Each structure stands twice: as structure tokens, then as C-alpha cells.
Amino acid sequence: MNFDEMSMESIWNEIDAQLNGNPEPIAKMNTSYSFDLSGEDGGMFGLKLSEGKAETIMGDPGEVECALKMSVKDFKKLLAGNLNSTAAFMMSKLKVKGNIGLALKLESLLKEYAF
């Protein structure tokens, strides 16, 4: 999927559709993420996973277990599988607050879907 031309709203709608359309990979997950994305079309976004259901939030999701901060450009690369989250963290392209294990799990989770 080519994210370069997609708006963040369209991307989050696609994330919602993919995760809820195939809930097996998130079936045992009960966690929440926030994404503070900088750059054009950036902003605050949230993802809450609860027993096979995903909820995407356009705006500040409030208190979460794992907060991620990165550029819109790098977020799109991460979704497309073109950016390793560990490498991004080491190069300061990704900042994590909270449970870093959940940040690492997110990358493997995203690979379960056809982004």
C-alpha cells in the first residue's frame, strides 16, 4: 500500500479497517498507544486494542501505556515496513514513553497486516 499520497485520516481509517477486519493478531492484546506525529498532516492519534477490537482515535487519546513520537514521514515508512522501529529508536527518529516492549511489539503486529 502506498501511504505517500494518503492523508493521515485515510491512513487511520485503513488501520481501523485492517485490524478489525482480521482481529486474530490482536485477540489477546489489551493495551493503548498514542502517536504524536510531526510534520505535514501530523497531530495526535491513538490506538486502543482490547480483546480483538481496535479503536482508532483522531486526537489526543488521553492516558496510554505506550506513547510514540515521530514524524509523519517516518510513521508512513514504519507502516509500509520500510523502517525498523529499533533502528528508528537508536537514530532518535522514534521517541518512546512508557512501555518500550509495547513499541517493539507494535512493529511485529503491523507486519501481520497488509499495509
PDB file of N, CA and C in Angstrom:
ATOM      1  N   MET A   1       0.849  -1.177   0.000  1.00  0.00           N
ATOM      2  CA  MET A   1       0.000   0.000   0.000  1.00  0.00           C
ATOM      3  C   MET A   1       0.897   1.244   0.000  1.00  0.00           C
ATOM      4  N   ASN A   2       0.551   2.215  -0.823  1.00  0.00           N
ATOM      5  CA  ASN A   2       1.339   3.441  -0.912  1.00  0.00           C
ATOM      6  C   ASN A   2       0.720   4.512  -0.013  1.00  0.00           C
ATOM      7  N   PHE A   3       1.420   4.807   1.067  1.00  0.00           N
ATOM      8  CA  PHE A   3       0.909   5.780   2.036  1.00  0.00           C
ATOM      9  C   PHE A   3       1.285   7.215   1.696  1.00  0.00           C
ATOM     10  N   ASP A   4       2.229   7.403   0.775  1.00  0.00           N
ATOM     11  CA  ASP A   4       2.747   8.740   0.496  1.00  0.00           C
ATOM     12  C   ASP A   4       1.658   9.742   0.125  1.00  0.00           C
ATOM     13  N   GLU A   5       0.684   9.313  -0.640  1.00  0.00           N
ATOM     14  CA  GLU A   5      -0.362  10.221  -1.108  1.00  0.00           C
ATOM     15  C   GLU A   5      -1.599  10.232  -0.206  1.00  0.00           C
ATOM     16  N   MET A   6      -1.603   9.399   0.829  1.00  0.00           N
ATOM     17  CA  MET A   6      -2.786   9.290   1.693  1.00  0.00           C
ATOM     18  C   MET A   6      -2.732  10.294   2.839  1.00  0.00           C
ATOM     19  N   SER A   7      -3.889  10.826   3.192  1.00  0.00           N
ATOM     20  CA  SER A   7      -3.977  11.706   4.361  1.00  0.00           C
ATOM     21  C   SER A   7      -3.887  10.849   5.615  1.00  0.00           C
ATOM     22  N   MET A   8      -3.549  11.472   6.740  1.00  0.00           N
ATOM     23  CA  MET A   8      -3.481  10.729   7.995  1.00  0.00           C
ATOM     24  C   MET A   8      -4.855  10.179   8.363  1.00  0.00           C
ATOM     25  N   GLU A   9      -5.910  10.919   8.078  1.00  0.00           N
ATOM     26  CA  GLU A   9      -7.254  10.414   8.375  1.00  0.00           C
ATOM     27  C   GLU A   9      -7.525   9.129   7.598  1.00  0.00           C
ATOM     28  N   SER A  10      -7.150   9.108   6.317  1.00  0.00           N
ATOM     29  CA  SER A  10      -7.337   7.910   5.496  1.00  0.00           C
ATOM     30  C   SER A  10      -6.494   6.750   6.007  1.00  0.00           C
ATOM     31  N   ILE A  11      -5.275   7.051   6.429  1.00  0.00           N
ATOM     32  CA  ILE A  11      -4.391   6.007   6.958  1.00  0.00           C
ATOM     33  C   ILE A  11      -4.983   5.398   8.222  1.00  0.00           C
ATOM     34  N   TRP A  12      -5.461   6.239   9.140  1.00  0.00           N
ATOM     35  CA  TRP A  12      -6.038   5.715  10.384  1.00  0.00           C
ATOM     36  C   TRP A  12      -7.329   4.951  10.121  1.00  0.00           C
ATOM     37  N   ASN A  13      -8.098   5.363   9.130  1.00  0.00           N
ATOM     38  CA  ASN A  13      -9.290   4.598   8.754  1.00  0.00           C
ATOM     39  C   ASN A  13      -8.897   3.225   8.211  1.00  0.00           C
ATOM     40  N   GLU A  14      -7.804   3.171   7.455  1.00  0.00           N
ATOM     41  CA  GLU A  14      -7.305   1.901   6.920  1.00  0.00           C
ATOM     42  C   GLU A  14      -6.783   1.007   8.047  1.00  0.00           C
ATOM     43  N   ILE A  15      -6.069   1.588   9.004  1.00  0.00           N
ATOM     44  CA  ILE A  15      -5.592   0.825  10.163  1.00  0.00           C
ATOM     45  C   ILE A  15      -6.782   0.211  10.893  1.00  0.00           C
ATOM     46  N   ASP A  16      -7.802   1.016  11.124  1.00  0.00           N
ATOM     47  CA  ASP A  16      -9.013   0.543  11.805  1.00  0.00           C
ATOM     48  C   ASP A  16      -9.639  -0.619  11.036  1.00  0.00           C
ATOM     49  N   ALA A  17      -9.783  -0.457   9.721  1.00  0.00           N
ATOM     50  CA  ALA A  17     -10.413  -1.492   8.891  1.00  0.00           C
ATOM     51  C   ALA A  17      -9.593  -2.779   8.894  1.00  0.00           C
ATOM     52  N   GLN A  18      -8.276  -2.659   8.767  1.00  0.00           N
ATOM     53  CA  GLN A  18      -7.411  -3.847   8.732  1.00  0.00           C
ATOM     54  C   GLN A  18      -7.439  -4.605  10.052  1.00  0.00           C
ATOM     55  N   LEU A  19      -7.270  -3.899  11.161  1.00  0.00           N
ATOM     56  CA  LEU A  19      -7.214  -4.556  12.463  1.00  0.00           C
ATOM     57  C   LEU A  19      -8.553  -5.177  12.841  1.00  0.00           C
ATOM     58  N   ASN A  20      -9.634  -4.471  12.606  1.00  0.00           N
ATOM     59  CA  ASN A  20     -10.952  -5.013  12.944  1.00  0.00           C
ATOM     60  C   ASN A  20     -11.424  -6.055  11.929  1.00  0.00           C
ATOM     61  N   GLY A  21     -10.890  -6.005  10.705  1.00  0.00           N
ATOM     62  CA  GLY A  21     -11.233  -6.991   9.686  1.00  0.00           C
ATOM     63  C   GLY A  21     -10.543  -8.326   9.896  1.00  0.00           C
ATOM     64  N   ASN A  22      -9.427  -8.316  10.621  1.00  0.00           N
ATOM     65  CA  ASN A  22      -8.674  -9.533  10.932  1.00  0.00           C
ATOM     66  C   ASN A  22      -8.226  -9.441  12.387  1.00  0.00           C
ATOM     67  N   PRO A  23      -9.124  -9.727  13.328  1.00  0.00           N
ATOM     68  CA  PRO A  23      -8.821  -9.495  14.744  1.00  0.00           C
ATOM     69  C   PRO A  23      -7.920 -10.530  15.414  1.00  0.00           C
ATOM     70  N   GLU A  24      -7.606 -11.630  14.739  1.00  0.00           N
ATOM     71  CA  GLU A  24      -6.830 -12.684  15.403  1.00  0.00           C
ATOM     72  C   GLU A  24      -5.491 -12.204  15.977  1.00  0.00           C
ATOM     73  N   PRO A  25      -4.665 -11.433  15.236  1.00  0.00           N
ATOM     74  CA  PRO A  25      -3.385 -10.990  15.812  1.00  0.00           C
ATOM     75  C   PRO A  25      -3.525 -10.098  17.054  1.00  0.00           C
ATOM     76  N   ILE A  26      -4.668  -9.443  17.216  1.00  0.00           N
ATOM     77  CA  ILE A  26      -4.851  -8.560  18.376  1.00  0.00           C
ATOM     78  C   ILE A  26      -5.780  -9.169  19.426  1.00  0.00           C
ATOM     79  N   ALA A  27      -6.134 -10.436  19.236  1.00  0.00           N
ATOM     80  CA  ALA A  27      -7.128 -11.089  20.100  1.00  0.00           C
ATOM     81  C   ALA A  27      -6.760 -11.066  21.580  1.00  0.00           C
ATOM     82  N   LYS A  28      -5.487 -11.202  21.895  1.00  0.00           N
ATOM     83  CA  LYS A  28      -5.077 -11.274  23.303  1.00  0.00           C
ATOM     84  C   LYS A  28      -4.418  -9.988  23.793  1.00  0.00           C
ATOM     85  N   MET A  29      -4.543  -8.942  23.014  1.00  0.00           N
ATOM     86  CA  MET A  29      -3.912  -7.676  23.394  1.00  0.00           C
ATOM     87  C   MET A  29      -4.911  -6.755  24.083  1.00  0.00           C
ATOM     88  N   ASN A  30      -4.488  -6.177  25.167  1.00  0.00           N
ATOM     89  CA  ASN A  30      -5.261  -5.161  25.885  1.00  0.00           C
ATOM     90  C   ASN A  30      -4.293  -4.037  26.225  1.00  0.00           C
ATOM     91  N   THR A  31      -4.172  -3.091  25.331  1.00  0.00           N
ATOM     92  CA  THR A  31      -3.208  -2.016  25.524  1.00  0.00           C
ATOM     93  C   THR A  31      -3.632  -0.776  24.743  1.00  0.00           C
ATOM     94  N   SER A  32      -2.894   0.286  24.957  1.00  0.00           N
ATOM     95  CA  SER A  32      -3.209   1.538  24.274  1.00  0.00           C
ATOM     96  C   SER A  32      -1.927   2.264  23.886  1.00  0.00           C
ATOM     97  N   TYR A  33      -1.988   2.916  22.743  1.00  0.00           N
ATOM     98  CA  TYR A  33      -0.862   3.669  22.189  1.00  0.00           C
ATOM     99  C   TYR A  33      -1.318   5.089  21.861  1.00  0.00           C
ATOM    100  N   SER A  34      -0.389   6.024  21.971  1.00  0.00           N
ATOM    101  CA  SER A  34      -0.614   7.352  21.403  1.00  0.00           C
ATOM    102  C   SER A  34       0.498   7.605  20.398  1.00  0.00           C
ATOM    103  N   PHE A  35       0.173   8.363  19.382  1.00  0.00           N
ATOM    104  CA  PHE A  35       1.112   8.699  18.323  1.00  0.00           C
ATOM    105  C   PHE A  35       1.114  10.211  18.177  1.00  0.00           C
ATOM    106  N   ASP A  36       2.231  10.835  18.510  1.00  0.00           N
ATOM    107  CA  ASP A  36       2.415  12.274  18.334  1.00  0.00           C
ATOM    108  C   ASP A  36       3.232  12.425  17.063  1.00  0.00           C
ATOM    109  N   LEU A  37       2.567  12.728  15.966  1.00  0.00           N
ATOM    110  CA  LEU A  37       3.203  12.743  14.655  1.00  0.00           C
ATOM    111  C   LEU A  37       3.432  14.175  14.191  1.00  0.00           C
ATOM    112  N   SER A  38       4.685  14.490  13.895  1.00  0.00           N
ATOM    113  CA  SER A  38       5.047  15.849  13.488  1.00  0.00           C
ATOM    114  C   SER A  38       5.145  15.947  11.970  1.00  0.00           C
ATOM    115  N   GLY A  39       5.009  17.160  11.475  1.00  0.00           N
ATOM    116  CA  GLY A  39       5.111  17.406  10.048  1.00  0.00           C
ATOM    117  C   GLY A  39       3.746  17.624   9.432  1.00  0.00           C
ATOM    118  N   GLU A  40       3.739  17.714   8.108  1.00  0.00           N
ATOM    119  CA  GLU A  40       2.502  17.976   7.378  1.00  0.00           C
ATOM    120  C   GLU A  40       1.459  16.901   7.664  1.00  0.00           C
ATOM    121  N   ASP A  41       0.258  17.314   8.003  1.00  0.00           N
ATOM    122  CA  ASP A  41      -0.874  16.427   8.294  1.00  0.00           C
ATOM    123  C   ASP A  41      -0.681  15.648   9.599  1.00  0.00           C
ATOM    124  N   GLY A  42       0.238  16.108  10.436  1.00  0.00           N
ATOM    125  CA  GLY A  42       0.503  15.429  11.704  1.00  0.00           C
ATOM    126  C   GLY A  42      -0.516  15.780  12.763  1.00  0.00           C
ATOM    127  N   GLY A  43      -0.235  15.344  13.969  1.00  0.00           N
ATOM    128  CA  GLY A  43      -1.125  15.593  15.093  1.00  0.00           C
ATOM    129  C   GLY A  43      -1.079  14.434  16.060  1.00  0.00           C
ATOM    130  N   MET A  44      -2.040  14.407  16.959  1.00  0.00           N
ATOM    131  CA  MET A  44      -2.144  13.330  17.947  1.00  0.00           C
ATOM    132  C   MET A  44      -3.172  12.305  17.468  1.00  0.00           C
ATOM    133  N   PHE A  45      -2.801  11.041  17.648  1.00  0.00           N
ATOM    134  CA  PHE A  45      -3.668   9.931  17.275  1.00  0.00           C
ATOM    135  C   PHE A  45      -3.536   8.854  18.336  1.00  0.00           C
ATOM    136  N   GLY A  46      -4.522   7.998  18.423  1.00  0.00           N
ATOM    137  CA  GLY A  46      -4.478   6.925  19.404  1.00  0.00           C
ATOM    138  C   GLY A  46      -4.944   5.610  18.827  1.00  0.00           C
ATOM    139  N   LEU A  47      -4.474   4.536  19.450  1.00  0.00           N
ATOM    140  CA  LEU A  47      -4.889   3.187  19.083  1.00  0.00           C
ATOM    141  C   LEU A  47      -5.103   2.411  20.370  1.00  0.00           C
ATOM    142  N   LYS A  48      -6.318   1.943  20.562  1.00  0.00           N
ATOM    143  CA  LYS A  48      -6.637   1.130  21.738  1.00  0.00           C
ATOM    144  C   LYS A  48      -7.018  -0.260  21.260  1.00  0.00           C
ATOM    145  N   LEU A  49      -6.370  -1.263  21.843  1.00  0.00           N
ATOM    146  CA  LEU A  49      -6.621  -2.655  21.496  1.00  0.00           C
ATOM    147  C   LEU A  49      -7.197  -3.361  22.703  1.00  0.00           C
ATOM    148  N   SER A  50      -8.320  -4.026  22.515  1.00  0.00           N
ATOM    149  CA  SER A  50      -8.977  -4.708  23.625  1.00  0.00           C
ATOM    150  C   SER A  50      -9.698  -5.958  23.131  1.00  0.00           C
ATOM    151  N   GLU A  51      -9.126  -7.106  23.458  1.00  0.00           N
ATOM    152  CA  GLU A  51      -9.753  -8.403  23.180  1.00  0.00           C
ATOM    153  C   GLU A  51     -10.266  -8.544  21.752  1.00  0.00           C
ATOM    154  N   GLY A  52      -9.398  -8.279  20.799  1.00  0.00           N
ATOM    155  CA  GLY A  52      -9.754  -8.461  19.402  1.00  0.00           C
ATOM    156  C   GLY A  52     -10.459  -7.294  18.750  1.00  0.00           C
ATOM    157  N   LYS A  53     -10.574  -6.193  19.445  1.00  0.00           N
ATOM    158  CA  LYS A  53     -11.191  -4.998  18.868  1.00  0.00           C
ATOM    159  C   LYS A  53     -10.178  -3.856  18.896  1.00  0.00           C
ATOM    160  N   ALA A  54     -10.148  -3.115  17.802  1.00  0.00           N
ATOM    161  CA  ALA A  54      -9.261  -1.964  17.699  1.00  0.00           C
ATOM    162  C   ALA A  54     -10.101  -0.699  17.604  1.00  0.00           C
ATOM    163  N   GLU A  55      -9.659   0.319  18.315  1.00  0.00           N
ATOM    164  CA  GLU A  55     -10.311   1.627  18.231  1.00  0.00           C
ATOM    165  C   GLU A  55      -9.241   2.647  17.882  1.00  0.00           C
ATOM    166  N   THR A  56      -9.430   3.341  16.764  1.00  0.00           N
ATOM    167  CA  THR A  56      -8.508   4.410  16.401  1.00  0.00           C
ATOM    168  C   THR A  56      -9.121   5.734  16.836  1.00  0.00           C
ATOM    169  N   ILE A  57      -8.264   6.627  17.286  1.00  0.00           N
ATOM    170  CA  ILE A  57      -8.716   7.907  17.831  1.00  0.00           C
ATOM    171  C   ILE A  57      -8.012   9.035  17.088  1.00  0.00           C
ATOM    172  N   MET A  58      -8.788   9.923  16.504  1.00  0.00           N
ATOM    173  CA  MET A  58      -8.248  11.111  15.846  1.00  0.00           C
ATOM    174  C   MET A  58      -8.203  12.208  16.900  1.00  0.00           C
ATOM    175  N   GLY A  59      -7.031  12.444  17.446  1.00  0.00           N
ATOM    176  CA  GLY A  59      -6.889  13.407  18.528  1.00  0.00           C
ATOM    177  C   GLY A  59      -6.205  12.750  19.714  1.00  0.00           C
ATOM    178  N   ASP A  60      -6.085  13.482  20.786  1.00  0.00           N
ATOM    179  CA  ASP A  60      -5.402  13.000  21.985  1.00  0.00           C
ATOM    180  C   ASP A  60      -6.198  11.861  22.626  1.00  0.00           C
ATOM    181  N   PRO A  61      -5.597  10.663  22.743  1.00  0.00           N
ATOM    182  CA  PRO A  61      -6.321   9.536  23.327  1.00  0.00           C
ATOM    183  C   PRO A  61      -6.322   9.519  24.852  1.00  0.00           C
ATOM    184  N   GLY A  62      -5.675  10.494  25.471  1.00  0.00           N
ATOM    185  CA  GLY A  62      -5.587  10.505  26.930  1.00  0.00           C
ATOM    186  C   GLY A  62      -4.448   9.619  27.409  1.00  0.00           C
ATOM    187  N   GLU A  63      -4.597   9.053  28.593  1.00  0.00           N
ATOM    188  CA  GLU A  63      -3.542   8.230  29.181  1.00  0.00           C
ATOM    189  C   GLU A  63      -3.421   6.902  28.433  1.00  0.00           C
ATOM    190  N   VAL A  64      -2.176   6.556  28.073  1.00  0.00           N
ATOM    191  CA  VAL A  64      -1.903   5.320  27.337  1.00  0.00           C
ATOM    192  C   VAL A  64      -0.727   4.587  27.975  1.00  0.00           C
ATOM    193  N   GLU A  65      -0.544   3.340  27.581  1.00  0.00           N
ATOM    194  CA  GLU A  65       0.571   2.546  28.098  1.00  0.00           C
ATOM    195  C   GLU A  65       1.866   2.810  27.346  1.00  0.00           C
ATOM    196  N   CYS A  66       1.752   3.211  26.077  1.00  0.00           N
ATOM    197  CA  CYS A  66       2.938   3.446  25.256  1.00  0.00           C
ATOM    198  C   CYS A  66       2.699   4.664  24.368  1.00  0.00           C
ATOM    199  N   ALA A  67       3.537   5.681  24.532  1.00  0.00           N
ATOM    200  CA  ALA A  67       3.430   6.908  23.736  1.00  0.00           C
ATOM    201  C   ALA A  67       4.597   6.966  22.755  1.00  0.00           C
ATOM    202  N   LEU A  68       4.274   7.131  21.488  1.00  0.00           N
ATOM    203  CA  LEU A  68       5.280   7.186  20.434  1.00  0.00           C
ATOM    204  C   LEU A  68       5.282   8.579  19.818  1.00  0.00           C
ATOM    205  N   LYS A  69       6.476   9.069  19.530  1.00  0.00           N
ATOM    206  CA  LYS A  69       6.617  10.384  18.906  1.00  0.00           C
ATOM    207  C   LYS A  69       7.566  10.233  17.728  1.00  0.00           C
ATOM    208  N   MET A  70       7.080  10.632  16.558  1.00  0.00           N
ATOM    209  CA  MET A  70       7.894  10.537  15.349  1.00  0.00           C
ATOM    210  C   MET A  70       7.292  11.429  14.269  1.00  0.00           C
ATOM    211  N   SER A  71       7.961  11.519  13.129  1.00  0.00           N
ATOM    212  CA  SER A  71       7.437  12.325  12.029  1.00  0.00           C
ATOM    213  C   SER A  71       6.392  11.524  11.253  1.00  0.00           C
ATOM    214  N   VAL A  72       5.526  12.238  10.565  1.00  0.00           N
ATOM    215  CA  VAL A  72       4.533  11.598   9.698  1.00  0.00           C
ATOM    216  C   VAL A  72       5.253  10.743   8.658  1.00  0.00           C
ATOM    217  N   LYS A  73       6.318  11.281   8.096  1.00  0.00           N
ATOM    218  CA  LYS A  73       7.084  10.575   7.067  1.00  0.00           C
ATOM    219  C   LYS A  73       7.602   9.233   7.594  1.00  0.00           C
ATOM    220  N   ASP A  74       8.183   9.241   8.798  1.00  0.00           N
ATOM    221  CA  ASP A  74       8.706   8.000   9.370  1.00  0.00           C
ATOM    222  C   ASP A  74       7.584   7.048   9.786  1.00  0.00           C
ATOM    223  N   PHE A  75       6.459   7.575  10.242  1.00  0.00           N
ATOM    224  CA  PHE A  75       5.314   6.733  10.586  1.00  0.00           C
ATOM    225  C   PHE A  75       4.824   5.976   9.348  1.00  0.00           C
ATOM    226  N   LYS A  76       4.745   6.676   8.222  1.00  0.00           N
ATOM    227  CA  LYS A  76       4.321   6.033   6.978  1.00  0.00           C
ATOM    228  C   LYS A  76       5.309   4.944   6.572  1.00  0.00           C
ATOM    229  N   LYS A  77       6.608   5.199   6.763  1.00  0.00           N
ATOM    230  CA  LYS A  77       7.626   4.185   6.463  1.00  0.00           C
ATOM    231  C   LYS A  77       7.482   2.977   7.380  1.00  0.00           C
ATOM    232  N   LEU A  78       7.209   3.223   8.658  1.00  0.00           N
ATOM    233  CA  LEU A  78       7.025   2.136   9.623  1.00  0.00           C
ATOM    234  C   LEU A  78       5.840   1.260   9.212  1.00  0.00           C
ATOM    235  N   LEU A  79       4.731   1.878   8.853  1.00  0.00           N
ATOM    236  CA  LEU A  79       3.547   1.123   8.422  1.00  0.00           C
ATOM    237  C   LEU A  79       3.824   0.291   7.177  1.00  0.00           C
ATOM    238  N   ALA A  80       4.594   0.859   6.258  1.00  0.00           N
ATOM    239  CA  ALA A  80       4.895   0.177   4.999  1.00  0.00           C
ATOM    240  C   ALA A  80       5.952  -0.913   5.173  1.00  0.00           C
ATOM    241  N   GLY A  81       6.541  -1.002   6.363  1.00  0.00           N
ATOM    242  CA  GLY A  81       7.583  -1.996   6.601  1.00  0.00           C
ATOM    243  C   GLY A  81       8.953  -1.551   6.132  1.00  0.00           C
ATOM    244  N   ASN A  82       9.113  -0.253   5.873  1.00  0.00           N
ATOM    245  CA  ASN A  82      10.380   0.278   5.378  1.00  0.00           C
ATOM    246  C   ASN A  82      11.212   0.969   6.452  1.00  0.00           C
ATOM    247  N   LEU A  83      10.799   0.845   7.708  1.00  0.00           N
ATOM    248  CA  LEU A  83      11.551   1.437   8.812  1.00  0.00           C
ATOM    249  C   LEU A  83      11.490   0.484   9.996  1.00  0.00           C
ATOM    250  N   ASN A  84      12.649   0.090  10.463  1.00  0.00           N
ATOM    251  CA  ASN A  84      12.761  -0.777  11.626  1.00  0.00           C
ATOM    252  C   ASN A  84      12.623   0.078  12.875  1.00  0.00           C
ATOM    253  N   SER A  85      11.714  -0.291  13.759  1.00  0.00           N
ATOM    254  CA  SER A  85      11.458   0.538  14.942  1.00  0.00           C
ATOM    255  C   SER A  85      12.667   0.626  15.866  1.00  0.00           C
ATOM    256  N   THR A  86      13.432  -0.453  15.992  1.00  0.00           N
ATOM    257  CA  THR A  86      14.624  -0.421  16.846  1.00  0.00           C
ATOM    258  C   THR A  86      15.653   0.544  16.273  1.00  0.00           C
ATOM    259  N   ALA A  87      15.886   0.467  14.969  1.00  0.00           N
ATOM    260  CA  ALA A  87      16.832   1.376  14.319  1.00  0.00           C
ATOM    261  C   ALA A  87      16.344   2.817  14.427  1.00  0.00           C
ATOM    262  N   ALA A  88      15.048   3.026  14.241  1.00  0.00           N
ATOM    263  CA  ALA A  88      14.483   4.374  14.348  1.00  0.00           C
ATOM    264  C   ALA A  88      14.683   4.927  15.751  1.00  0.00           C
ATOM    265  N   PHE A  89      14.500   4.089  16.751  1.00  0.00           N
ATOM    266  CA  PHE A  89      14.703   4.500  18.141  1.00  0.00           C
ATOM    267  C   PHE A  89      16.168   4.867  18.378  1.00  0.00           C
ATOM    268  N   MET A  90      17.071   4.040  17.889  1.00  0.00           N
ATOM    269  CA  MET A  90      18.508   4.286  18.072  1.00  0.00           C
ATOM    270  C   MET A  90      18.967   5.557  17.353  1.00  0.00           C
ATOM    271  N   MET A  91      18.323   5.895  16.238  1.00  0.00           N
ATOM    272  CA  MET A  91      18.686   7.092  15.473  1.00  0.00           C
ATOM    273  C   MET A  91      17.878   8.307  15.905  1.00  0.00           C
ATOM    274  N   SER A  92      17.134   8.182  16.995  1.00  0.00           N
ATOM    275  CA  SER A  92      16.286   9.256  17.535  1.00  0.00           C
ATOM    276  C   SER A  92      15.186   9.700  16.578  1.00  0.00           C
ATOM    277  N   LYS A  93      14.800   8.833  15.643  1.00  0.00           N
ATOM    278  CA  LYS A  93      13.659   9.129  14.774  1.00  0.00           C
ATOM    279  C   LYS A  93      12.360   8.741  15.457  1.00  0.00           C
ATOM    280  N   LEU A  94      12.470   7.933  16.505  1.00  0.00           N
ATOM    281  CA  LEU A  94      11.318   7.467  17.268  1.00  0.00           C
ATOM    282  C   LEU A  94      11.618   7.652  18.746  1.00  0.00           C
ATOM    283  N   LYS A  95      10.732   8.348  19.425  1.00  0.00           N
ATOM    284  CA  LYS A  95      10.852   8.516  20.869  1.00  0.00           C
ATOM    285  C   LYS A  95       9.701   7.759  21.519  1.00  0.00           C
ATOM    286  N   VAL A  96      10.014   7.065  22.614  1.00  0.00           N
ATOM    287  CA  VAL A  96       9.018   6.231  23.280  1.00  0.00           C
ATOM    288  C   VAL A  96       8.941   6.608  24.748  1.00  0.00           C
ATOM    289  N   LYS A  97       7.723   6.770  25.238  1.00  0.00           N
ATOM    290  CA  LYS A  97       7.480   6.946  26.671  1.00  0.00           C
ATOM    291  C   LYS A  97       6.566   5.820  27.105  1.00  0.00           C
ATOM    292  N   GLY A  98       6.829   5.293  28.273  1.00  0.00           N
ATOM    293  CA  GLY A  98       6.007   4.190  28.763  1.00  0.00           C
ATOM    294  C   GLY A  98       6.667   2.863  28.460  1.00  0.00           C
ATOM    295  N   ASN A  99       5.880   1.880  28.129  1.00  0.00           N
ATOM    296  CA  ASN A  99       6.331   0.510  27.933  1.00  0.00           C
ATOM    297  C   ASN A  99       7.006   0.343  26.575  1.00  0.00           C
ATOM    298  N   ILE A 100       8.348   0.293  26.575  1.00  0.00           N
ATOM    299  CA  ILE A 100       9.090   0.168  25.318  1.00  0.00           C
ATOM    300  C   ILE A 100       8.842  -1.184  24.658  1.00  0.00           C
ATOM    301  N   GLY A 101       8.547  -2.200  25.450  1.00  0.00           N
ATOM    302  CA  GLY A 101       8.227  -3.510  24.893  1.00  0.00           C
ATOM    303  C   GLY A 101       7.001  -3.463  23.994  1.00  0.00           C
ATOM    304  N   LEU A 102       6.034  -2.632  24.352  1.00  0.00           N
ATOM    305  CA  LEU A 102       4.838  -2.472  23.517  1.00  0.00           C
ATOM    306  C   LEU A 102       5.173  -1.790  22.198  1.00  0.00           C
ATOM    307  N   ALA A 103       6.140  -0.890  22.225  1.00  0.00           N
ATOM    308  CA  ALA A 103       6.570  -0.227  20.990  1.00  0.00           C
ATOM    309  C   ALA A 103       7.187  -1.249  20.043  1.00  0.00           C
ATOM    310  N   LEU A 104       8.017  -2.132  20.584  1.00  0.00           N
ATOM    311  CA  LEU A 104       8.641  -3.160  19.758  1.00  0.00           C
ATOM    312  C   LEU A 104       7.596  -4.159  19.260  1.00  0.00           C
ATOM    313  N   LYS A 105       6.636  -4.481  20.084  1.00  0.00           N
ATOM    314  CA  LYS A 105       5.573  -5.414  19.696  1.00  0.00           C
ATOM    315  C   LYS A 105       4.715  -4.832  18.573  1.00  0.00           C
ATOM    316  N   LEU A 106       4.567  -3.513  18.554  1.00  0.00           N
ATOM    317  CA  LEU A 106       3.751  -2.862  17.532  1.00  0.00           C
ATOM    318  C   LEU A 106       4.283  -3.152  16.133  1.00  0.00           C
ATOM    319  N   GLU A 107       5.604  -3.100  15.968  1.00  0.00           N
ATOM    320  CA  GLU A 107       6.181  -3.353  14.646  1.00  0.00           C
ATOM    321  C   GLU A 107       5.853  -4.771  14.173  1.00  0.00           C
ATOM    322  N   SER A 108       6.028  -5.766  15.030  1.00  0.00           N
ATOM    323  CA  SER A 108       5.716  -7.142  14.626  1.00  0.00           C
ATOM    324  C   SER A 108       4.215  -7.307  14.383  1.00  0.00           C
ATOM    325  N   LEU A 109       3.404  -6.600  15.149  1.00  0.00           N
ATOM    326  CA  LEU A 109       1.957  -6.648  14.948  1.00  0.00           C
ATOM    327  C   LEU A 109       1.584  -6.088  13.576  1.00  0.00           C
ATOM    328  N   LEU A 110       2.180  -4.964  13.206  1.00  0.00           N
ATOM    329  CA  LEU A 110       1.864  -4.339  11.921  1.00  0.00           C
ATOM    330  C   LEU A 110       2.218  -5.248  10.753  1.00  0.00           C
ATOM    331  N   LYS A 111       3.251  -6.074  10.921  1.00  0.00           N
ATOM    332  CA  LYS A 111       3.663  -6.998   9.856  1.00  0.00           C
ATOM    333  C   LYS A 111       2.618  -8.085   9.608  1.00  0.00           C
ATOM    334  N   GLU A 112       1.709  -8.290  10.556  1.00  0.00           N
ATOM    335  CA  GLU A 112       0.639  -9.280  10.403  1.00  0.00           C
ATOM    336  C   GLU A 112      -0.451  -8.795   9.439  1.00  0.00           C
ATOM    337  N   TYR A 113      -0.404  -7.526   9.099  1.00  0.00           N
ATOM    338  CA  TYR A 113      -1.447  -6.931   8.267  1.00  0.00           C
ATOM    339  C   TYR A 113      -0.879  -6.474   6.930  1.00  0.00           C
ATOM    340  N   ALA A 114      -1.764  -6.296   5.952  1.00  0.00           N
ATOM    341  CA  ALA A 114      -1.360  -5.946   4.590  1.00  0.00           C
ATOM    342  C   ALA A 114      -1.314  -4.437   4.402  1.00  0.00           C
ATOM    343  N   PHE A 115      -0.347  -3.799   5.054  1.00  0.00           N
ATOM    344  CA  PHE A 115      -0.227  -2.348   4.893  1.00  0.00           C
ATOM    345  C   PHE A 115       0.677  -2.036   3.752  1.00  0.00           C
TER     346      PHE A 115
END
